[in-house]
Amino acid sequence: MFKGLGGLGDMSKMMKAAKDMQDRMQQMQEDMDKIIVTGESGAGLVKASCTAKGELTALDIDPSIFQPSEKEVVEDLILAAIKDAQRRAQDKMQSEMSRITQELGLPADMKLPF
């Protein structure tokens, strides 16, 4: 009478797997707000920190570079440090995404909606 409904068990497993994946992705997104990466420029004279999502959280500038004649150099160093921090944040996010997709048995090159 219910012939052909044997696949419902598989559907249930798929729904559970999808829910697990959704929960893990949500947790990863929350974790990315807590992970701090630091980029630097000028051999560490300027350091920028941001979350793994790329939100700038701190900027540390060595006072030795504050000379009026060096204004443009300082600005360039600040921008370089921020870009380095953001690149590191993007790398961290990508490595976390790869780790999760691998743990879930998904293809390594699968792009998830983030």
N, C-alpha and C. Protein backbone atom coordinates (compact mmCIF):
# COMPACT_ATOMS: atom_id res chain seq x y z
N MET A 1 0.81 -1.19 0.00
CA MET A 1 0.00 0.00 0.00
C MET A 1 0.86 1.27 0.00
N PHE A 2 1.94 1.27 0.74
CA PHE A 2 2.82 2.44 0.78
C PHE A 2 4.13 2.15 0.05
N LYS A 3 4.01 1.38 -0.98
CA LYS A 3 5.18 1.01 -1.75
C LYS A 3 5.83 2.28 -2.33
N GLY A 4 7.15 2.32 -2.29
CA GLY A 4 7.86 3.48 -2.82
C GLY A 4 8.13 4.54 -1.78
N LEU A 5 7.63 4.37 -0.57
CA LEU A 5 7.88 5.36 0.48
C LEU A 5 9.10 4.98 1.32
N GLY A 6 9.78 3.95 0.91
CA GLY A 6 10.97 3.53 1.64
C GLY A 6 12.06 4.58 1.65
N GLY A 7 12.02 5.50 0.72
CA GLY A 7 13.02 6.57 0.66
C GLY A 7 12.79 7.67 1.68
N LEU A 8 11.70 7.62 2.42
CA LEU A 8 11.43 8.66 3.42
C LEU A 8 12.50 8.68 4.50
N GLY A 9 13.04 7.51 4.83
CA GLY A 9 14.12 7.46 5.81
C GLY A 9 15.32 8.24 5.31
N ASP A 10 15.62 8.09 4.02
CA ASP A 10 16.74 8.84 3.43
C ASP A 10 16.45 10.33 3.44
N MET A 11 15.21 10.69 3.18
CA MET A 11 14.81 12.10 3.18
C MET A 11 14.98 12.67 4.59
N SER A 12 14.63 11.89 5.58
CA SER A 12 14.77 12.32 6.97
C SER A 12 16.25 12.55 7.29
N LYS A 13 17.10 11.65 6.83
CA LYS A 13 18.54 11.81 7.05
C LYS A 13 19.06 13.06 6.36
N MET A 14 18.57 13.31 5.15
CA MET A 14 19.00 14.50 4.42
C MET A 14 18.56 15.77 5.13
N MET A 15 17.35 15.77 5.65
CA MET A 15 16.84 16.96 6.36
C MET A 15 17.66 17.19 7.64
N LYS A 16 17.99 16.12 8.34
CA LYS A 16 18.80 16.25 9.55
C LYS A 16 20.19 16.77 9.19
N ALA A 17 20.78 16.23 8.12
CA ALA A 17 22.10 16.69 7.70
C ALA A 17 22.07 18.16 7.31
N ALA A 18 21.02 18.58 6.62
CA ALA A 18 20.88 19.99 6.23
C ALA A 18 20.75 20.88 7.47
N LYS A 19 20.00 20.43 8.44
CA LYS A 19 19.83 21.20 9.69
C LYS A 19 21.16 21.27 10.44
N ASP A 20 21.89 20.15 10.49
CA ASP A 20 23.20 20.15 11.15
C ASP A 20 24.14 21.12 10.47
N MET A 21 24.13 21.12 9.13
CA MET A 21 25.00 22.02 8.38
C MET A 21 24.62 23.47 8.66
N GLN A 22 23.34 23.75 8.69
CA GLN A 22 22.88 25.11 8.96
C GLN A 22 23.33 25.56 10.36
N ASP A 23 23.19 24.66 11.33
CA ASP A 23 23.60 24.99 12.70
C ASP A 23 25.11 25.25 12.78
N ARG A 24 25.89 24.42 12.09
CA ARG A 24 27.35 24.59 12.11
C ARG A 24 27.76 25.88 11.41
N MET A 25 27.09 26.21 10.33
CA MET A 25 27.41 27.46 9.62
C MET A 25 27.08 28.67 10.49
N GLN A 26 25.96 28.60 11.18
CA GLN A 26 25.58 29.70 12.06
C GLN A 26 26.60 29.84 13.19
N GLN A 27 27.03 28.72 13.76
CA GLN A 27 28.03 28.75 14.82
C GLN A 27 29.35 29.32 14.29
N MET A 28 29.72 28.92 13.08
CA MET A 28 30.96 29.41 12.49
C MET A 28 30.88 30.93 12.30
N GLN A 29 29.74 31.42 11.84
CA GLN A 29 29.58 32.86 11.66
C GLN A 29 29.75 33.60 12.99
N GLU A 30 29.19 33.03 14.06
CA GLU A 30 29.34 33.64 15.38
C GLU A 30 30.80 33.59 15.83
N ASP A 31 31.47 32.47 15.56
CA ASP A 31 32.87 32.34 15.93
C ASP A 31 33.75 33.33 15.18
N MET A 32 33.42 33.64 13.94
CA MET A 32 34.22 34.56 13.15
C MET A 32 34.23 35.97 13.75
N ASP A 33 33.19 36.29 14.52
CA ASP A 33 33.17 37.59 15.21
C ASP A 33 34.14 37.61 16.38
N LYS A 34 34.51 36.43 16.89
CA LYS A 34 35.38 36.34 18.06
C LYS A 34 36.84 36.15 17.71
N ILE A 35 37.11 35.65 16.50
CA ILE A 35 38.49 35.42 16.08
C ILE A 35 39.10 36.74 15.61
N ILE A 36 40.24 37.10 16.18
CA ILE A 36 40.91 38.34 15.83
C ILE A 36 42.21 38.00 15.08
N VAL A 37 42.39 38.65 13.94
CA VAL A 37 43.63 38.51 13.18
C VAL A 37 44.30 39.88 13.13
N THR A 38 45.63 39.88 13.04
CA THR A 38 46.36 41.14 13.02
C THR A 38 47.23 41.21 11.77
N GLY A 39 47.12 42.33 11.08
CA GLY A 39 47.97 42.60 9.93
C GLY A 39 48.94 43.71 10.31
N GLU A 40 50.05 43.76 9.61
CA GLU A 40 51.02 44.80 9.93
C GLU A 40 51.72 45.31 8.69
N SER A 41 52.35 46.46 8.86
CA SER A 41 53.16 47.04 7.79
C SER A 41 54.31 47.79 8.43
N GLY A 42 55.28 48.16 7.59
CA GLY A 42 56.43 48.90 8.11
C GLY A 42 57.19 48.11 9.15
N ALA A 43 57.35 46.81 8.92
CA ALA A 43 58.08 45.93 9.86
C ALA A 43 57.49 46.01 11.27
N GLY A 44 56.16 46.12 11.34
CA GLY A 44 55.47 46.12 12.64
C GLY A 44 55.25 47.49 13.24
N LEU A 45 55.61 48.56 12.51
CA LEU A 45 55.38 49.91 13.04
C LEU A 45 53.90 50.24 13.11
N VAL A 46 53.12 49.65 12.19
CA VAL A 46 51.68 49.86 12.19
C VAL A 46 51.02 48.48 12.18
N LYS A 47 50.10 48.27 13.13
CA LYS A 47 49.39 47.00 13.22
C LYS A 47 47.89 47.29 13.25
N ALA A 48 47.16 46.50 12.48
CA ALA A 48 45.70 46.62 12.45
C ALA A 48 45.12 45.27 12.81
N SER A 49 44.11 45.28 13.67
CA SER A 49 43.45 44.03 14.06
C SER A 49 42.00 44.09 13.62
N CYS A 50 41.50 42.94 13.18
CA CYS A 50 40.10 42.87 12.79
C CYS A 50 39.57 41.47 13.07
N THR A 51 38.25 41.36 13.08
CA THR A 51 37.64 40.06 13.25
C THR A 51 37.87 39.26 11.98
N ALA A 52 37.63 37.95 12.05
CA ALA A 52 37.79 37.11 10.87
C ALA A 52 36.77 37.48 9.80
N LYS A 53 35.77 38.25 10.16
CA LYS A 53 34.81 38.75 9.17
C LYS A 53 35.31 40.03 8.50
N GLY A 54 36.43 40.58 8.98
CA GLY A 54 37.02 41.75 8.36
C GLY A 54 36.67 43.07 9.01
N GLU A 55 36.01 43.05 10.15
CA GLU A 55 35.64 44.29 10.85
C GLU A 55 36.83 44.79 11.66
N LEU A 56 37.31 45.99 11.35
CA LEU A 56 38.46 46.58 12.04
C LEU A 56 38.12 46.79 13.51
N THR A 57 39.00 46.30 14.40
CA THR A 57 38.75 46.42 15.84
C THR A 57 39.81 47.25 16.56
N ALA A 58 41.02 47.31 16.00
CA ALA A 58 42.09 48.06 16.68
C ALA A 58 43.15 48.49 15.68
N LEU A 59 43.83 49.55 16.05
CA LEU A 59 44.92 50.07 15.24
C LEU A 59 46.02 50.48 16.22
N ASP A 60 47.24 49.97 16.03
CA ASP A 60 48.37 50.26 16.90
C ASP A 60 49.47 50.88 16.05
N ILE A 61 49.85 52.12 16.39
CA ILE A 61 50.86 52.84 15.61
C ILE A 61 52.03 53.19 16.53
N ASP A 62 53.22 52.77 16.13
CA ASP A 62 54.42 53.10 16.88
C ASP A 62 54.62 54.61 16.83
N PRO A 63 54.79 55.28 17.97
CA PRO A 63 54.91 56.74 17.99
C PRO A 63 56.13 57.28 17.25
N SER A 64 57.10 56.44 16.97
CA SER A 64 58.31 56.93 16.29
C SER A 64 58.04 57.39 14.86
N ILE A 65 56.90 57.01 14.30
CA ILE A 65 56.64 57.41 12.91
C ILE A 65 55.84 58.71 12.79
N PHE A 66 55.54 59.33 13.92
CA PHE A 66 54.78 60.58 13.88
C PHE A 66 55.69 61.79 13.68
N GLN A 67 56.01 62.04 12.45
CA GLN A 67 56.77 63.23 12.09
C GLN A 67 56.01 63.90 10.95
N PRO A 68 55.75 65.19 11.07
CA PRO A 68 54.95 65.89 10.05
C PRO A 68 55.42 65.66 8.62
N SER A 69 56.70 65.55 8.43
CA SER A 69 57.21 65.37 7.07
C SER A 69 56.93 63.95 6.53
N GLU A 70 56.55 63.05 7.40
CA GLU A 70 56.30 61.65 7.03
C GLU A 70 54.79 61.33 6.96
N LYS A 71 53.94 62.33 6.90
CA LYS A 71 52.49 62.14 6.93
C LYS A 71 52.01 61.14 5.88
N GLU A 72 52.43 61.28 4.65
CA GLU A 72 51.98 60.39 3.58
C GLU A 72 52.47 58.96 3.78
N VAL A 73 53.69 58.83 4.30
CA VAL A 73 54.23 57.50 4.57
C VAL A 73 53.39 56.82 5.64
N VAL A 74 53.06 57.56 6.69
CA VAL A 74 52.24 57.01 7.78
C VAL A 74 50.87 56.58 7.25
N GLU A 75 50.26 57.41 6.44
CA GLU A 75 48.96 57.06 5.87
C GLU A 75 49.05 55.78 5.04
N ASP A 76 50.11 55.66 4.25
CA ASP A 76 50.30 54.45 3.44
C ASP A 76 50.50 53.22 4.33
N LEU A 77 51.27 53.38 5.40
CA LEU A 77 51.50 52.26 6.32
C LEU A 77 50.20 51.83 7.00
N ILE A 78 49.38 52.79 7.36
CA ILE A 78 48.10 52.47 8.00
C ILE A 78 47.21 51.69 7.03
N LEU A 79 47.11 52.18 5.81
CA LEU A 79 46.30 51.48 4.81
C LEU A 79 46.84 50.07 4.54
N ALA A 80 48.14 49.94 4.46
CA ALA A 80 48.75 48.64 4.20
C ALA A 80 48.46 47.66 5.34
N ALA A 81 48.53 48.14 6.57
CA ALA A 81 48.26 47.27 7.73
C ALA A 81 46.80 46.83 7.74
N ILE A 82 45.89 47.75 7.43
CA ILE A 82 44.47 47.41 7.39
C ILE A 82 44.20 46.39 6.29
N LYS A 83 44.77 46.60 5.12
CA LYS A 83 44.58 45.66 4.02
C LYS A 83 45.16 44.28 4.37
N ASP A 84 46.30 44.26 5.04
CA ASP A 84 46.90 43.00 5.45
C ASP A 84 46.00 42.27 6.44
N ALA A 85 45.45 43.00 7.39
CA ALA A 85 44.54 42.39 8.37
C ALA A 85 43.29 41.84 7.68
N GLN A 86 42.74 42.60 6.75
CA GLN A 86 41.55 42.15 6.04
C GLN A 86 41.84 40.92 5.17
N ARG A 87 43.02 40.88 4.55
CA ARG A 87 43.41 39.71 3.76
C ARG A 87 43.54 38.49 4.66
N ARG A 88 44.15 38.68 5.83
CA ARG A 88 44.29 37.57 6.79
C ARG A 88 42.93 37.11 7.28
N ALA A 89 42.01 38.06 7.48
CA ALA A 89 40.66 37.71 7.90
C ALA A 89 39.97 36.87 6.83
N GLN A 90 40.11 37.27 5.59
CA GLN A 90 39.51 36.53 4.48
C GLN A 90 40.11 35.13 4.39
N ASP A 91 41.42 35.02 4.56
CA ASP A 91 42.08 33.72 4.54
C ASP A 91 41.56 32.83 5.67
N LYS A 92 41.39 33.40 6.85
CA LYS A 92 40.90 32.63 8.00
C LYS A 92 39.48 32.16 7.75
N MET A 93 38.65 33.04 7.22
CA MET A 93 37.27 32.68 6.93
C MET A 93 37.23 31.54 5.91
N GLN A 94 38.06 31.64 4.88
CA GLN A 94 38.09 30.61 3.85
C GLN A 94 38.57 29.28 4.42
N SER A 95 39.57 29.32 5.28
CA SER A 95 40.08 28.06 5.86
C SER A 95 39.02 27.43 6.76
N GLU A 96 38.27 28.23 7.49
CA GLU A 96 37.19 27.69 8.33
C GLU A 96 36.08 27.10 7.48
N MET A 97 35.74 27.76 6.38
CA MET A 97 34.71 27.24 5.48
C MET A 97 35.16 25.92 4.87
N SER A 98 36.41 25.84 4.47
CA SER A 98 36.94 24.60 3.88
C SER A 98 36.91 23.47 4.90
N ARG A 99 37.27 23.80 6.14
CA ARG A 99 37.27 22.78 7.19
C ARG A 99 35.86 22.24 7.41
N ILE A 100 34.88 23.13 7.46
CA ILE A 100 33.51 22.70 7.70
C ILE A 100 32.97 21.90 6.53
N THR A 101 33.20 22.36 5.31
CA THR A 101 32.69 21.61 4.15
C THR A 101 33.33 20.23 4.08
N GLN A 102 34.61 20.15 4.44
CA GLN A 102 35.29 18.85 4.44
C GLN A 102 34.69 17.94 5.51
N GLU A 103 34.44 18.49 6.70
CA GLU A 103 33.85 17.69 7.78
C GLU A 103 32.46 17.20 7.41
N LEU A 104 31.74 17.98 6.60
CA LEU A 104 30.40 17.60 6.20
C LEU A 104 30.40 16.70 4.96
N GLY A 105 31.59 16.44 4.43
CA GLY A 105 31.69 15.58 3.26
C GLY A 105 31.27 16.25 1.96
N LEU A 106 31.33 17.57 1.93
CA LEU A 106 30.97 18.32 0.73
C LEU A 106 32.22 18.53 -0.12
N PRO A 107 32.05 18.79 -1.41
CA PRO A 107 33.21 19.06 -2.26
C PRO A 107 33.99 20.27 -1.75
N ALA A 108 35.31 20.18 -1.81
CA ALA A 108 36.17 21.24 -1.28
C ALA A 108 35.96 22.58 -1.97
N ASP A 109 35.60 22.56 -3.26
CA ASP A 109 35.44 23.82 -3.99
C ASP A 109 34.01 24.34 -3.98
N MET A 110 33.15 23.74 -3.16
CA MET A 110 31.75 24.18 -3.09
C MET A 110 31.68 25.55 -2.43
N LYS A 111 31.04 26.48 -3.06
CA LYS A 111 30.89 27.83 -2.53
C LYS A 111 29.59 27.92 -1.75
N LEU A 112 29.71 28.25 -0.48
CA LEU A 112 28.54 28.39 0.36
C LEU A 112 28.17 29.87 0.43
N PRO A 113 26.95 30.18 0.80
CA PRO A 113 26.47 31.57 0.72
C PRO A 113 27.03 32.49 1.80
N PHE A 114 28.34 32.80 1.73
CA PHE A 114 28.92 33.76 2.66
C PHE A 114 29.83 34.68 1.92
